[in-house]
Amino acid sequence: MDIPDLNDVRTFVAVGQEGTLTAAAKELKLPTSTVSRALTRLEKHLNVLLVQRSPRGLVVTDFGKEYLQTCKRALRTLKDGGESLESHRERPSGLIKVACPITMARSIFAPLLPDLLGRYPELRVELEPYSSGWDQEPREDVDVFFKVRAPRDSIRRVRPYPGTKRGLFASQEYVKSRGNAATPDDLVAHTCIGSGTWKLTRGLKVAAPNILFRVVASDPVVHLDLALSGFGIAILPLYMAKRPGTRNRLMPILPLWNPEPITLCALFSGPARLTPKVQVLLDFLAEYIGTDRDPRLHSVPAKGLFTEPTVEPTSGP
């Protein structure tokens, strides 16, 4: 026999406890007609009479009394299970294994882990930073895998976080000695630091200058250090360029042309979504990433520095 509708079972229990359809309807905050239909539907599903109806009220049949006790125990078990799950949600425990880009480990996880583990003292975190390319693939032994661009096809579920807006910058000394760039194609003649293809947009216009990088690197901290030293032009996260210690030392290059933002998403297997430790980690990070509490900001306001969360894939730096 198929399992009956749980709502119909709850309705029957209310009828059995209250003694009348009207009282049960009041308890459930439902119309009396809805309660009557649910009871009839349950009896039809079970192919047995649970309640005898008469002008003087309702009388639960012998089978109905036995079934009523069974239903009460089942609903109590479900309630206990829900309370137990809620307890685990509030106090998640065990080891959660996380893989993420090394820049995220350094700039987000390192400052936030004390708060996370202070809030959830029974939780342990194994952090595995990676730096071998932007197309790193998740492994089955990792609970949550952070990527800077979402896969087009994945058996894992994806939770997006705010992306990071970027711009082109160089030191004032570099601009004084080498001049500025008037168009994206001018970048070819400049000393540039980065990797891959720089895709720049201005409205509907798109440019991808054929740059031969003097230094090939994917770490924005390396980009910042070299740009501040006067070595050349780099694409930097806006929050990094606007920090108090750097904003007066850097000049925007081609400010009307925007590099692709860096997206960020968490990949996790479907069943892991129900795991309290995964849930609290993802929700905890959402309280910080892309907000004024983001540890990367160093007290700089978040407005204008991040994009809305998206799972659309973009290029890495």
Protein backbone atom coordinates (compact mmCIF):
# COMPACT_ATOMS: atom_id res chain seq x y z
CA MET A 1 0.00 0.00 0.00
CA ASP A 2 1.21 3.48 -0.84
CA ILE A 3 2.05 5.84 2.00
CA PRO A 4 -0.89 8.17 2.71
CA ASP A 5 -0.61 11.93 2.52
CA LEU A 6 1.02 13.16 5.73
CA ASN A 7 -1.32 16.16 5.90
CA ASP A 8 -4.32 13.83 5.77
CA VAL A 9 -2.83 11.80 8.63
CA ARG A 10 -2.33 14.95 10.70
CA THR A 11 -5.91 15.95 9.99
CA PHE A 12 -7.21 12.56 11.14
CA VAL A 13 -5.23 12.80 14.37
CA ALA A 14 -6.70 16.24 15.03
CA VAL A 15 -10.21 14.89 14.40
CA GLY A 16 -9.60 11.96 16.73
CA GLN A 17 -8.26 14.23 19.45
CA GLU A 18 -10.84 17.03 19.15
CA GLY A 19 -13.88 14.84 18.59
CA THR A 20 -15.58 16.95 15.92
CA LEU A 21 -14.77 18.25 12.46
CA THR A 22 -15.46 21.81 13.58
CA ALA A 23 -13.10 21.59 16.55
CA ALA A 24 -10.42 19.93 14.43
CA ALA A 25 -10.80 22.63 11.77
CA LYS A 26 -10.38 25.32 14.42
CA GLU A 27 -7.27 23.61 15.79
CA LEU A 28 -5.75 23.26 12.32
CA LYS A 29 -6.94 26.72 11.22
CA LEU A 30 -8.60 25.18 8.16
CA PRO A 31 -12.14 25.26 6.75
CA THR A 32 -14.34 22.45 8.04
CA SER A 33 -14.92 21.30 4.46
CA THR A 34 -11.16 20.88 3.96
CA VAL A 35 -10.91 18.74 7.09
CA SER A 36 -13.86 16.60 5.94
CA ARG A 37 -12.35 16.04 2.51
CA ALA A 38 -8.96 15.09 4.02
CA LEU A 39 -10.63 12.52 6.29
CA THR A 40 -12.63 11.04 3.41
CA ARG A 41 -9.50 10.94 1.24
CA LEU A 42 -7.56 9.07 3.95
CA GLU A 43 -10.36 6.54 4.44
CA LYS A 44 -10.54 5.97 0.71
CA HIS A 45 -6.75 5.49 0.55
CA LEU A 46 -6.84 2.95 3.41
CA ASN A 47 -10.09 1.40 2.17
CA VAL A 48 -11.48 1.36 5.71
CA LEU A 49 -13.86 3.44 7.81
CA LEU A 50 -12.00 5.42 10.45
CA VAL A 51 -14.83 7.55 11.80
CA GLN A 52 -18.57 7.00 11.92
CA ARG A 53 -20.51 10.16 11.25
CA SER A 54 -23.87 10.81 12.89
CA PRO A 55 -26.07 13.80 13.69
CA ARG A 56 -24.74 13.66 17.26
CA GLY A 57 -21.10 13.86 16.19
CA LEU A 58 -18.22 11.55 15.31
CA VAL A 59 -17.31 8.17 16.72
CA VAL A 60 -13.90 6.70 15.98
CA THR A 61 -14.20 3.05 14.88
CA ASP A 62 -12.20 0.28 16.52
CA PHE A 63 -9.81 0.24 13.57
CA GLY A 64 -9.74 4.02 13.70
CA LYS A 65 -8.69 3.96 17.37
CA GLU A 66 -5.85 1.55 16.63
CA TYR A 67 -4.77 3.55 13.60
CA LEU A 68 -5.00 6.78 15.61
CA GLN A 69 -2.46 5.52 18.15
CA THR A 70 -0.13 4.39 15.34
CA CYS A 71 -0.40 7.79 13.67
CA LYS A 72 0.32 9.61 16.93
CA ARG A 73 3.48 7.57 17.45
CA ALA A 74 4.56 8.16 13.85
CA LEU A 75 4.00 11.92 14.09
CA ARG A 76 5.87 12.01 17.38
CA THR A 77 8.79 10.18 15.77
CA LEU A 78 8.82 12.67 12.90
CA LYS A 79 8.71 15.55 15.38
CA ASP A 80 11.59 14.07 17.39
CA GLY A 81 13.56 13.55 14.17
CA GLY A 82 13.00 17.16 13.15
CA GLU A 83 14.07 18.42 16.56
CA SER A 84 17.17 16.23 16.43
CA LEU A 85 18.06 17.55 12.98
CA GLU A 86 17.49 21.12 14.13
CA SER A 87 19.78 20.49 17.08
CA HIS A 88 22.50 19.31 14.69
CA ARG A 89 21.94 22.39 12.53
CA GLU A 90 22.45 24.60 15.55
CA ARG A 91 25.46 22.60 16.76
CA PRO A 92 27.10 21.04 13.67
CA SER A 93 29.99 18.75 14.42
CA GLY A 94 32.68 16.77 12.70
CA LEU A 95 35.25 17.47 10.00
CA ILE A 96 34.44 19.47 6.88
CA LYS A 97 37.00 19.35 4.09
CA VAL A 98 37.25 22.48 1.95
CA ALA A 99 39.30 23.11 -1.20
CA CYS A 100 39.72 26.66 -2.47
CA PRO A 101 42.14 28.90 -4.40
CA ILE A 102 45.14 29.83 -2.31
CA THR A 103 44.19 33.53 -2.49
CA MET A 104 40.80 32.72 -0.92
CA ALA A 105 42.45 30.63 1.79
CA ARG A 106 44.73 33.53 2.63
CA SER A 107 42.37 36.49 2.36
CA ILE A 108 38.98 35.01 3.38
CA PHE A 109 39.35 31.77 5.31
CA ALA A 110 42.37 32.72 7.38
CA PRO A 111 40.72 35.79 8.97
CA LEU A 112 37.24 34.21 9.25
CA LEU A 113 37.99 30.71 10.57
CA PRO A 114 38.40 31.84 14.20
CA ASP A 115 34.88 33.33 14.12
CA LEU A 116 33.43 30.27 12.38
CA LEU A 117 34.96 27.79 14.81
CA GLY A 118 34.14 30.01 17.76
CA ARG A 119 30.49 29.97 16.73
CA TYR A 120 30.52 26.20 16.10
CA PRO A 121 32.97 24.72 18.63
CA GLU A 122 32.28 21.09 17.62
CA LEU A 123 33.20 21.74 13.99
CA ARG A 124 36.64 21.03 12.51
CA VAL A 125 37.90 22.34 9.16
CA GLU A 126 40.51 20.84 6.86
CA LEU A 127 41.54 23.51 4.38
CA GLU A 128 43.22 22.49 1.13
CA PRO A 129 44.38 25.50 -0.90
CA TYR A 130 45.20 24.98 -4.57
CA SER A 131 46.95 27.14 -7.13
CA SER A 132 47.46 24.86 -10.13
CA GLY A 133 45.16 26.54 -12.59
CA TRP A 134 41.66 27.98 -12.65
CA ASP A 135 40.06 24.81 -14.04
CA GLN A 136 40.77 22.67 -11.00
CA GLU A 137 38.19 19.88 -10.79
CA PRO A 138 36.43 18.85 -7.55
CA ARG A 139 37.34 15.57 -5.88
CA GLU A 140 34.90 13.24 -4.21
CA ASP A 141 36.67 13.44 -0.83
CA VAL A 142 36.11 17.22 -0.63
CA ASP A 143 32.87 18.43 0.99
CA VAL A 144 32.92 21.94 -0.50
CA PHE A 145 34.98 23.01 -3.49
CA PHE A 146 35.33 26.72 -4.26
CA LYS A 147 35.97 27.78 -7.85
CA VAL A 148 36.47 31.18 -9.42
CA ARG A 149 34.21 30.19 -12.27
CA ALA A 150 31.30 27.79 -12.29
CA PRO A 151 31.43 24.69 -14.50
CA ARG A 152 29.04 24.57 -17.43
CA ASP A 153 28.07 21.02 -16.51
CA SER A 154 28.52 19.46 -13.10
CA ILE A 155 26.79 16.77 -11.09
CA ARG A 156 27.43 18.94 -8.06
CA ARG A 157 25.18 21.69 -6.83
CA VAL A 158 26.41 25.27 -7.07
CA ARG A 159 26.02 28.17 -4.67
CA PRO A 160 27.19 31.49 -6.11
CA TYR A 161 28.71 34.32 -4.10
CA PRO A 162 29.25 37.98 -5.08
CA GLY A 163 31.90 38.42 -7.74
CA THR A 164 34.85 40.81 -7.54
CA LYS A 165 35.00 43.83 -9.84
CA ARG A 166 38.42 44.70 -11.24
CA GLY A 167 40.26 47.49 -13.00
CA LEU A 168 43.57 48.29 -14.68
CA PHE A 169 46.11 50.09 -12.49
CA ALA A 170 49.71 51.24 -12.46
CA SER A 171 51.81 53.33 -10.09
CA GLN A 172 52.09 57.09 -10.55
CA GLU A 173 55.81 56.62 -11.17
CA TYR A 174 55.17 54.17 -14.00
CA VAL A 175 52.67 56.51 -15.69
CA LYS A 176 55.09 59.43 -15.41
CA SER A 177 57.89 57.47 -17.03
CA ARG A 178 55.96 55.40 -19.59
CA GLY A 179 52.78 57.39 -20.14
CA ASN A 180 49.16 56.27 -20.00
CA ALA A 181 47.18 54.15 -22.45
CA ALA A 182 44.48 55.76 -24.59
CA THR A 183 43.04 52.54 -26.06
CA PRO A 184 43.20 48.83 -25.15
CA ASP A 185 45.56 48.25 -28.09
CA ASP A 186 48.05 50.64 -26.49
CA LEU A 187 48.58 48.07 -23.74
CA VAL A 188 50.62 45.96 -26.16
CA ALA A 189 53.44 48.52 -25.95
CA HIS A 190 53.38 48.63 -22.14
CA THR A 191 54.87 46.39 -19.47
CA CYS A 192 51.97 44.25 -18.26
CA ILE A 193 51.66 41.74 -15.44
CA GLY A 194 49.05 38.97 -15.60
CA SER A 195 48.01 35.79 -17.34
CA GLY A 196 45.61 34.51 -19.96
CA THR A 197 43.73 36.96 -22.15
CA TRP A 198 42.68 40.36 -20.90
CA LYS A 199 39.08 40.79 -22.06
CA LEU A 200 37.98 44.41 -21.62
CA THR A 201 34.50 45.81 -22.18
CA ARG A 202 33.14 49.30 -22.61
CA GLY A 203 29.38 49.14 -23.06
CA LEU A 204 28.85 46.83 -26.02
CA LYS A 205 32.45 47.15 -27.16
CA VAL A 206 34.83 44.29 -26.38
CA ALA A 207 38.63 44.35 -26.70
CA ALA A 208 41.19 41.58 -26.16
CA PRO A 209 44.64 43.06 -26.90
CA ASN A 210 47.41 40.61 -27.78
CA ILE A 211 49.59 41.25 -24.74
CA LEU A 212 52.95 39.57 -24.17
CA PHE A 213 53.25 39.66 -20.38
CA ARG A 214 56.63 40.54 -18.90
CA VAL A 215 55.60 38.63 -15.77
CA VAL A 216 53.06 35.80 -15.96
CA ALA A 217 51.29 35.33 -12.63
CA SER A 218 47.76 34.67 -11.42
CA ASP A 219 48.08 35.87 -7.82
CA PRO A 220 46.62 39.38 -7.36
CA VAL A 221 48.98 40.01 -4.43
CA VAL A 222 51.91 39.56 -6.81
CA HIS A 223 50.19 41.88 -9.29
CA LEU A 224 49.72 44.53 -6.60
CA ASP A 225 53.29 44.36 -5.35
CA LEU A 226 54.73 44.71 -8.86
CA ALA A 227 52.33 47.51 -9.76
CA LEU A 228 53.19 49.45 -6.60
CA SER A 229 56.89 49.01 -7.32
CA GLY A 230 56.42 50.84 -10.63
CA PHE A 231 57.12 47.76 -12.72
CA GLY A 232 54.05 47.86 -14.93
CA ILE A 233 50.28 47.67 -15.45
CA ALA A 234 48.16 45.03 -13.74
CA ILE A 235 44.51 44.07 -13.39
CA LEU A 236 43.60 44.38 -9.71
CA PRO A 237 40.45 43.80 -7.67
CA LEU A 238 38.91 47.21 -6.99
CA TYR A 239 38.89 46.55 -3.24
CA MET A 240 42.66 46.02 -3.38
CA ALA A 241 43.31 49.20 -5.35
CA LYS A 242 41.09 51.29 -3.07
CA ARG A 243 42.64 50.30 0.24
CA PRO A 244 43.96 53.23 2.29
CA GLY A 245 47.57 52.14 1.86
CA THR A 246 47.41 51.82 -1.94
CA ARG A 247 44.76 54.11 -3.40
CA ASN A 248 47.01 57.19 -3.38
CA ARG A 249 49.89 55.30 -4.98
CA LEU A 250 48.01 53.83 -7.95
CA MET A 251 46.45 55.40 -11.02
CA PRO A 252 43.60 53.86 -13.02
CA ILE A 253 44.48 52.89 -16.59
CA LEU A 254 41.68 52.94 -19.18
CA PRO A 255 39.07 53.58 -16.48
CA LEU A 256 36.19 53.34 -18.98
CA TRP A 257 37.22 49.80 -19.93
CA ASN A 258 36.25 47.06 -17.49
CA PRO A 259 38.07 43.74 -17.11
CA GLU A 260 35.90 40.70 -16.48
CA PRO A 261 34.99 40.34 -12.80
CA ILE A 262 36.13 37.28 -10.88
CA THR A 263 33.16 35.11 -9.96
CA LEU A 264 33.13 32.79 -6.97
CA CYS A 265 30.99 29.74 -6.35
CA ALA A 266 30.89 26.76 -4.00
CA LEU A 267 30.38 23.27 -5.43
CA PHE A 268 29.05 20.47 -3.29
CA SER A 269 27.28 17.17 -3.89
CA GLY A 270 23.49 17.05 -3.69
CA PRO A 271 23.23 15.08 -0.42
CA ALA A 272 25.81 17.36 1.20
CA ARG A 273 23.27 20.20 0.98
CA LEU A 274 21.43 18.50 3.84
CA THR A 275 24.55 18.16 5.97
CA PRO A 276 24.44 20.76 8.76
CA LYS A 277 28.20 21.37 8.66
CA VAL A 278 28.06 22.25 4.95
CA GLN A 279 24.97 24.40 5.42
CA VAL A 280 26.46 26.47 8.23
CA LEU A 281 29.73 27.00 6.36
CA LEU A 282 27.99 28.27 3.22
CA ASP A 283 25.63 30.50 5.19
CA PHE A 284 28.44 31.82 7.38
CA LEU A 285 30.51 32.89 4.37
CA ALA A 286 27.45 34.58 2.84
CA GLU A 287 27.35 36.88 5.88
CA TYR A 288 30.77 38.26 4.88
CA ILE A 289 31.65 37.83 1.19
CA GLY A 290 30.73 40.90 -0.81
CA THR A 291 29.49 42.84 2.23
CA ASP A 292 31.06 45.56 4.37
CA ARG A 293 32.24 42.74 6.66
CA ASP A 294 34.33 41.13 3.91
CA PRO A 295 37.83 40.71 5.40
CA ARG A 296 39.45 41.63 2.09
CA LEU A 297 38.16 45.20 2.30
CA HIS A 298 40.25 46.47 5.22
CA SER A 299 37.39 48.82 6.25
CA VAL A 300 36.72 50.03 2.67
CA PRO A 301 32.93 50.20 1.97
CA ALA A 302 31.73 47.32 -0.22
CA LYS A 303 29.45 49.43 -2.43
CA GLY A 304 30.50 49.25 -6.08
CA LEU A 305 33.24 46.67 -5.51
CA PHE A 306 31.29 43.46 -6.10
CA THR A 307 28.84 41.98 -8.57
CA GLU A 308 25.62 40.15 -7.85
CA PRO A 309 26.05 36.39 -7.32
CA THR A 310 26.02 34.49 -10.60
CA VAL A 311 26.89 30.99 -11.80
CA GLU A 312 27.80 32.15 -15.29
CA PRO A 313 31.38 31.09 -16.06
CA THR A 314 33.96 33.81 -16.65
CA SER A 315 37.66 33.86 -17.33
CA GLY A 316 40.24 33.83 -14.57
CA PRO A 317 42.81 36.58 -14.24
